[in-house]
């Protein structure tokens, strides 16, 4: 469930942010903001579904997923293929996210 929540949250956040980008940078209609805000609300909700004891840890681990998802967006939506440095950086971020989320913890 955690992976699906993170992937869904990443897609929702990127789509919501892109709606604002389209409005401000691509001269699209302000109506783009309506689905953008809805998408950002969905993003926030989906992060609450992550199986973690602390919100901060959940958000920190999400950062790595977001970076990898943003590179997928770059490729699929913008038509720019990530280079090897993008891929290496994303792999490091995903590894860090996994360590943050699933690393062994001492009882509090």
N, C-alpha and C. Protein backbone atom coordinates (compact mmCIF):
# COMPACT_ATOMS: atom_id res chain seq x y z
N UNK A 1 0.82 -1.20 0.00
CA UNK A 1 0.00 0.00 0.00
C UNK A 1 0.86 1.26 0.00
N UNK A 2 1.99 1.22 0.72
CA UNK A 2 2.86 2.39 0.81
C UNK A 2 3.36 2.82 -0.56
N UNK A 3 3.80 1.86 -1.37
CA UNK A 3 4.31 2.21 -2.70
C UNK A 3 3.22 2.87 -3.55
N UNK A 4 2.01 2.32 -3.50
CA UNK A 4 0.92 2.91 -4.27
C UNK A 4 0.57 4.31 -3.77
N UNK A 5 0.59 4.50 -2.45
CA UNK A 5 0.30 5.82 -1.89
C UNK A 5 1.35 6.83 -2.34
N UNK A 6 2.62 6.43 -2.29
CA UNK A 6 3.69 7.34 -2.71
C UNK A 6 3.62 7.65 -4.20
N UNK A 7 3.39 6.65 -5.02
CA UNK A 7 3.32 6.88 -6.47
C UNK A 7 2.12 7.76 -6.81
N UNK A 8 0.98 7.45 -6.20
CA UNK A 8 -0.21 8.29 -6.42
C UNK A 8 0.01 9.71 -5.95
N UNK A 9 0.63 9.86 -4.79
CA UNK A 9 0.91 11.20 -4.26
C UNK A 9 1.84 11.97 -5.19
N UNK A 10 2.85 11.29 -5.70
CA UNK A 10 3.80 11.95 -6.60
C UNK A 10 3.10 12.42 -7.88
N UNK A 11 2.28 11.55 -8.46
CA UNK A 11 1.56 11.95 -9.67
C UNK A 11 0.62 13.12 -9.40
N UNK A 12 -0.08 13.06 -8.27
CA UNK A 12 -1.00 14.14 -7.92
C UNK A 12 -0.25 15.45 -7.68
N UNK A 13 0.88 15.38 -6.98
CA UNK A 13 1.64 16.61 -6.70
C UNK A 13 2.21 17.20 -7.98
N UNK A 14 2.79 16.37 -8.81
CA UNK A 14 3.38 16.87 -10.05
C UNK A 14 2.31 17.46 -10.95
N UNK A 15 1.18 16.78 -11.07
CA UNK A 15 0.08 17.30 -11.90
C UNK A 15 -0.43 18.63 -11.35
N UNK A 16 -0.59 18.72 -10.02
CA UNK A 16 -1.05 19.96 -9.42
C UNK A 16 -0.07 21.10 -9.61
N UNK A 17 1.18 20.83 -9.42
CA UNK A 17 2.20 21.86 -9.62
C UNK A 17 2.31 22.25 -11.10
N UNK A 18 2.16 21.27 -11.98
CA UNK A 18 2.21 21.58 -13.41
C UNK A 18 1.05 22.49 -13.81
N UNK A 19 -0.11 22.31 -13.18
CA UNK A 19 -1.25 23.18 -13.49
C UNK A 19 -0.89 24.65 -13.20
N UNK A 20 -0.22 24.89 -12.08
CA UNK A 20 0.21 26.24 -11.76
C UNK A 20 1.30 26.71 -12.74
N UNK A 21 2.21 25.82 -13.09
CA UNK A 21 3.26 26.13 -14.06
C UNK A 21 2.62 26.54 -15.40
N UNK A 22 1.63 25.75 -15.83
CA UNK A 22 0.96 26.03 -17.10
C UNK A 22 0.28 27.41 -17.06
N UNK A 23 -0.36 27.72 -15.95
CA UNK A 23 -1.04 29.00 -15.82
C UNK A 23 -0.05 30.16 -15.83
N UNK A 24 1.00 30.05 -15.02
CA UNK A 24 1.93 31.17 -14.87
C UNK A 24 3.02 31.25 -15.94
N UNK A 25 3.47 30.11 -16.43
CA UNK A 25 4.61 30.11 -17.35
C UNK A 25 4.24 29.83 -18.80
N UNK A 26 3.11 29.16 -19.01
CA UNK A 26 2.71 28.80 -20.37
C UNK A 26 1.47 29.58 -20.82
N UNK A 27 1.08 30.58 -20.04
CA UNK A 27 -0.06 31.45 -20.36
C UNK A 27 -1.36 30.70 -20.60
N UNK A 28 -1.59 29.65 -19.81
CA UNK A 28 -2.86 28.93 -19.87
C UNK A 28 -3.90 29.68 -19.05
N UNK A 29 -5.14 29.29 -19.21
CA UNK A 29 -6.25 29.90 -18.50
C UNK A 29 -6.12 29.68 -16.99
N UNK A 30 -6.60 30.65 -16.20
CA UNK A 30 -6.63 30.44 -14.74
C UNK A 30 -7.49 29.24 -14.34
N UNK A 31 -8.33 28.75 -15.24
CA UNK A 31 -9.14 27.57 -14.93
C UNK A 31 -8.27 26.34 -14.69
N UNK A 32 -7.03 26.37 -15.15
CA UNK A 32 -6.09 25.28 -14.87
C UNK A 32 -5.88 25.12 -13.37
N UNK A 33 -6.13 26.18 -12.61
CA UNK A 33 -5.90 26.12 -11.17
C UNK A 33 -6.90 25.21 -10.46
N UNK A 34 -8.11 25.09 -10.98
CA UNK A 34 -9.12 24.25 -10.32
C UNK A 34 -8.69 22.79 -10.23
N UNK A 35 -8.34 22.13 -11.32
CA UNK A 35 -7.85 20.76 -11.17
C UNK A 35 -6.50 20.71 -10.45
N UNK A 36 -5.72 21.79 -10.57
CA UNK A 36 -4.43 21.83 -9.88
C UNK A 36 -4.60 21.78 -8.37
N UNK A 37 -5.51 22.58 -7.85
CA UNK A 37 -5.76 22.59 -6.41
C UNK A 37 -6.35 21.25 -5.96
N UNK A 38 -7.27 20.70 -6.73
CA UNK A 38 -7.85 19.40 -6.39
C UNK A 38 -6.77 18.32 -6.36
N UNK A 39 -5.87 18.38 -7.31
CA UNK A 39 -4.78 17.41 -7.38
C UNK A 39 -3.85 17.54 -6.17
N UNK A 40 -3.58 18.77 -5.75
CA UNK A 40 -2.72 18.96 -4.58
C UNK A 40 -3.41 18.50 -3.30
N UNK A 41 -4.72 18.64 -3.22
CA UNK A 41 -5.46 18.10 -2.07
C UNK A 41 -5.39 16.57 -2.05
N UNK A 42 -5.51 15.95 -3.23
CA UNK A 42 -5.39 14.50 -3.33
C UNK A 42 -3.99 14.06 -2.90
N UNK A 43 -2.99 14.79 -3.31
CA UNK A 43 -1.60 14.51 -2.92
C UNK A 43 -1.47 14.46 -1.39
N UNK A 44 -2.00 15.48 -0.71
CA UNK A 44 -1.90 15.53 0.75
C UNK A 44 -2.64 14.36 1.39
N UNK A 45 -3.80 14.04 0.87
CA UNK A 45 -4.56 12.91 1.41
C UNK A 45 -3.79 11.60 1.25
N UNK A 46 -3.24 11.37 0.06
CA UNK A 46 -2.55 10.11 -0.20
C UNK A 46 -1.36 9.90 0.72
N UNK A 47 -0.68 10.99 1.11
CA UNK A 47 0.45 10.83 2.03
C UNK A 47 -0.01 10.35 3.41
N UNK A 48 -1.26 10.60 3.76
CA UNK A 48 -1.74 10.11 5.06
C UNK A 48 -1.95 8.60 5.05
N UNK A 49 -1.95 7.98 3.89
CA UNK A 49 -2.15 6.53 3.78
C UNK A 49 -0.86 5.73 3.96
N UNK A 50 0.27 6.41 4.01
CA UNK A 50 1.56 5.74 4.15
C UNK A 50 1.67 5.15 5.54
N UNK A 51 2.13 3.91 5.60
CA UNK A 51 2.29 3.21 6.87
C UNK A 51 3.59 3.64 7.55
N UNK A 52 3.50 4.73 8.30
CA UNK A 52 4.65 5.25 9.05
C UNK A 52 4.13 5.81 10.36
N UNK A 53 4.96 5.74 11.39
CA UNK A 53 4.55 6.23 12.71
C UNK A 53 4.64 7.75 12.82
N UNK A 54 5.47 8.37 11.99
CA UNK A 54 5.68 9.81 12.07
C UNK A 54 5.49 10.46 10.71
N UNK A 55 4.79 11.57 10.70
CA UNK A 55 4.55 12.29 9.45
C UNK A 55 5.86 12.74 8.81
N UNK A 56 6.76 13.27 9.61
CA UNK A 56 8.03 13.78 9.07
C UNK A 56 8.83 12.71 8.36
N UNK A 57 8.86 11.51 8.93
CA UNK A 57 9.59 10.41 8.30
C UNK A 57 8.91 10.01 6.98
N UNK A 58 7.60 9.99 7.00
CA UNK A 58 6.84 9.68 5.79
C UNK A 58 7.14 10.70 4.70
N UNK A 59 7.15 11.99 5.06
CA UNK A 59 7.41 13.04 4.08
C UNK A 59 8.85 12.99 3.58
N UNK A 60 9.78 12.70 4.46
CA UNK A 60 11.19 12.62 4.05
C UNK A 60 11.39 11.49 3.05
N UNK A 61 10.81 10.34 3.33
CA UNK A 61 10.95 9.21 2.42
C UNK A 61 10.26 9.52 1.08
N UNK A 62 9.15 10.23 1.14
CA UNK A 62 8.44 10.61 -0.08
C UNK A 62 9.30 11.45 -1.01
N UNK A 63 10.20 12.23 -0.44
CA UNK A 63 11.07 13.09 -1.26
C UNK A 63 11.81 12.32 -2.34
N UNK A 64 12.31 11.15 -2.01
CA UNK A 64 13.02 10.34 -3.00
C UNK A 64 12.10 9.85 -4.10
N UNK A 65 10.89 9.47 -3.71
CA UNK A 65 9.91 9.02 -4.70
C UNK A 65 9.53 10.17 -5.61
N UNK A 66 9.37 11.36 -5.04
CA UNK A 66 9.02 12.54 -5.83
C UNK A 66 10.09 12.83 -6.89
N UNK A 67 11.34 12.75 -6.50
CA UNK A 67 12.43 13.04 -7.44
C UNK A 67 12.39 12.07 -8.61
N UNK A 68 12.24 10.79 -8.34
CA UNK A 68 12.17 9.80 -9.42
C UNK A 68 10.94 10.04 -10.29
N UNK A 69 9.81 10.35 -9.67
CA UNK A 69 8.58 10.60 -10.42
C UNK A 69 8.69 11.84 -11.28
N UNK A 70 9.37 12.86 -10.79
CA UNK A 70 9.56 14.08 -11.57
C UNK A 70 10.38 13.80 -12.83
N UNK A 71 11.32 12.88 -12.73
CA UNK A 71 12.09 12.52 -13.92
C UNK A 71 11.26 11.73 -14.92
N UNK A 72 10.34 10.92 -14.42
CA UNK A 72 9.40 10.23 -15.32
C UNK A 72 8.52 11.27 -16.01
N UNK A 73 8.04 12.26 -15.27
CA UNK A 73 7.25 13.35 -15.86
C UNK A 73 8.05 14.07 -16.93
N UNK A 74 9.31 14.37 -16.62
CA UNK A 74 10.19 15.04 -17.59
C UNK A 74 10.21 14.29 -18.91
N UNK A 75 10.31 12.97 -18.82
CA UNK A 75 10.41 12.14 -20.01
C UNK A 75 9.06 12.00 -20.72
N UNK A 76 8.02 11.62 -19.97
CA UNK A 76 6.71 11.32 -20.57
C UNK A 76 5.96 12.58 -20.99
N UNK A 77 5.88 13.55 -20.10
CA UNK A 77 5.05 14.73 -20.37
C UNK A 77 5.78 15.82 -21.15
N UNK A 78 7.09 15.94 -20.91
CA UNK A 78 7.83 17.02 -21.54
C UNK A 78 8.72 16.56 -22.69
N UNK A 79 8.84 15.26 -22.86
CA UNK A 79 9.60 14.73 -23.98
C UNK A 79 11.10 14.87 -23.87
N UNK A 80 11.60 15.06 -22.66
CA UNK A 80 13.04 15.18 -22.44
C UNK A 80 13.50 13.92 -21.71
N UNK A 81 14.37 13.17 -22.35
CA UNK A 81 14.84 11.93 -21.76
C UNK A 81 15.88 12.21 -20.67
N UNK A 82 15.67 11.66 -19.46
CA UNK A 82 16.66 11.85 -18.39
C UNK A 82 18.01 11.25 -18.80
N UNK A 83 19.08 11.92 -18.42
CA UNK A 83 20.40 11.40 -18.74
C UNK A 83 20.89 10.50 -17.61
N UNK A 84 22.09 9.97 -17.77
CA UNK A 84 22.59 9.02 -16.77
C UNK A 84 22.74 9.65 -15.40
N UNK A 85 23.06 10.94 -15.33
CA UNK A 85 23.22 11.60 -14.04
C UNK A 85 21.87 11.77 -13.35
N UNK A 86 20.83 12.01 -14.13
CA UNK A 86 19.48 12.04 -13.57
C UNK A 86 19.14 10.68 -12.97
N UNK A 87 19.43 9.62 -13.71
CA UNK A 87 19.10 8.26 -13.26
C UNK A 87 19.91 7.84 -12.03
N UNK A 88 21.19 8.19 -12.03
CA UNK A 88 22.03 7.88 -10.87
C UNK A 88 21.52 8.64 -9.64
N UNK A 89 21.22 9.91 -9.81
CA UNK A 89 20.70 10.72 -8.70
C UNK A 89 19.38 10.17 -8.18
N UNK A 90 18.49 9.77 -9.08
CA UNK A 90 17.20 9.21 -8.66
C UNK A 90 17.40 7.89 -7.91
N UNK A 91 18.33 7.06 -8.36
CA UNK A 91 18.59 5.79 -7.68
C UNK A 91 19.11 6.04 -6.26
N UNK A 92 19.96 7.03 -6.11
CA UNK A 92 20.46 7.38 -4.77
C UNK A 92 19.32 7.86 -3.89
N UNK A 93 18.44 8.68 -4.46
CA UNK A 93 17.30 9.21 -3.69
C UNK A 93 16.34 8.10 -3.28
N UNK A 94 16.05 7.19 -4.18
CA UNK A 94 15.16 6.07 -3.86
C UNK A 94 15.78 5.19 -2.78
N UNK A 95 17.09 4.98 -2.88
CA UNK A 95 17.78 4.20 -1.85
C UNK A 95 17.67 4.89 -0.50
N UNK A 96 17.88 6.19 -0.48
CA UNK A 96 17.76 6.95 0.76
C UNK A 96 16.35 6.91 1.32
N UNK A 97 15.36 7.01 0.44
CA UNK A 97 13.96 6.95 0.88
C UNK A 97 13.67 5.60 1.52
N UNK A 98 14.17 4.52 0.94
CA UNK A 98 13.95 3.18 1.49
C UNK A 98 14.60 3.04 2.86
N UNK A 99 15.79 3.59 3.01
CA UNK A 99 16.48 3.53 4.30
C UNK A 99 15.70 4.30 5.35
N UNK A 100 15.22 5.49 4.99
CA UNK A 100 14.45 6.30 5.93
C UNK A 100 13.17 5.59 6.36
N UNK A 101 12.47 5.02 5.40
CA UNK A 101 11.17 4.43 5.71
C UNK A 101 11.28 3.07 6.38
N UNK A 102 12.19 2.23 5.92
CA UNK A 102 12.21 0.84 6.39
C UNK A 102 13.44 0.46 7.21
N UNK A 103 14.31 1.43 7.50
CA UNK A 103 15.49 1.13 8.30
C UNK A 103 15.08 0.68 9.71
N UNK A 104 15.90 -0.18 10.32
CA UNK A 104 15.56 -0.65 11.68
C UNK A 104 15.60 0.52 12.67
N UNK A 105 14.65 0.53 13.55
CA UNK A 105 14.53 1.59 14.55
C UNK A 105 14.63 1.01 15.95
N UNK A 106 15.24 1.77 16.82
CA UNK A 106 15.26 1.42 18.24
C UNK A 106 13.93 1.82 18.84
N UNK A 107 13.40 1.04 19.76
CA UNK A 107 12.16 1.47 20.42
C UNK A 107 12.35 2.79 21.15
N UNK A 108 11.35 3.62 21.12
CA UNK A 108 11.46 4.96 21.75
C UNK A 108 11.50 4.88 23.24
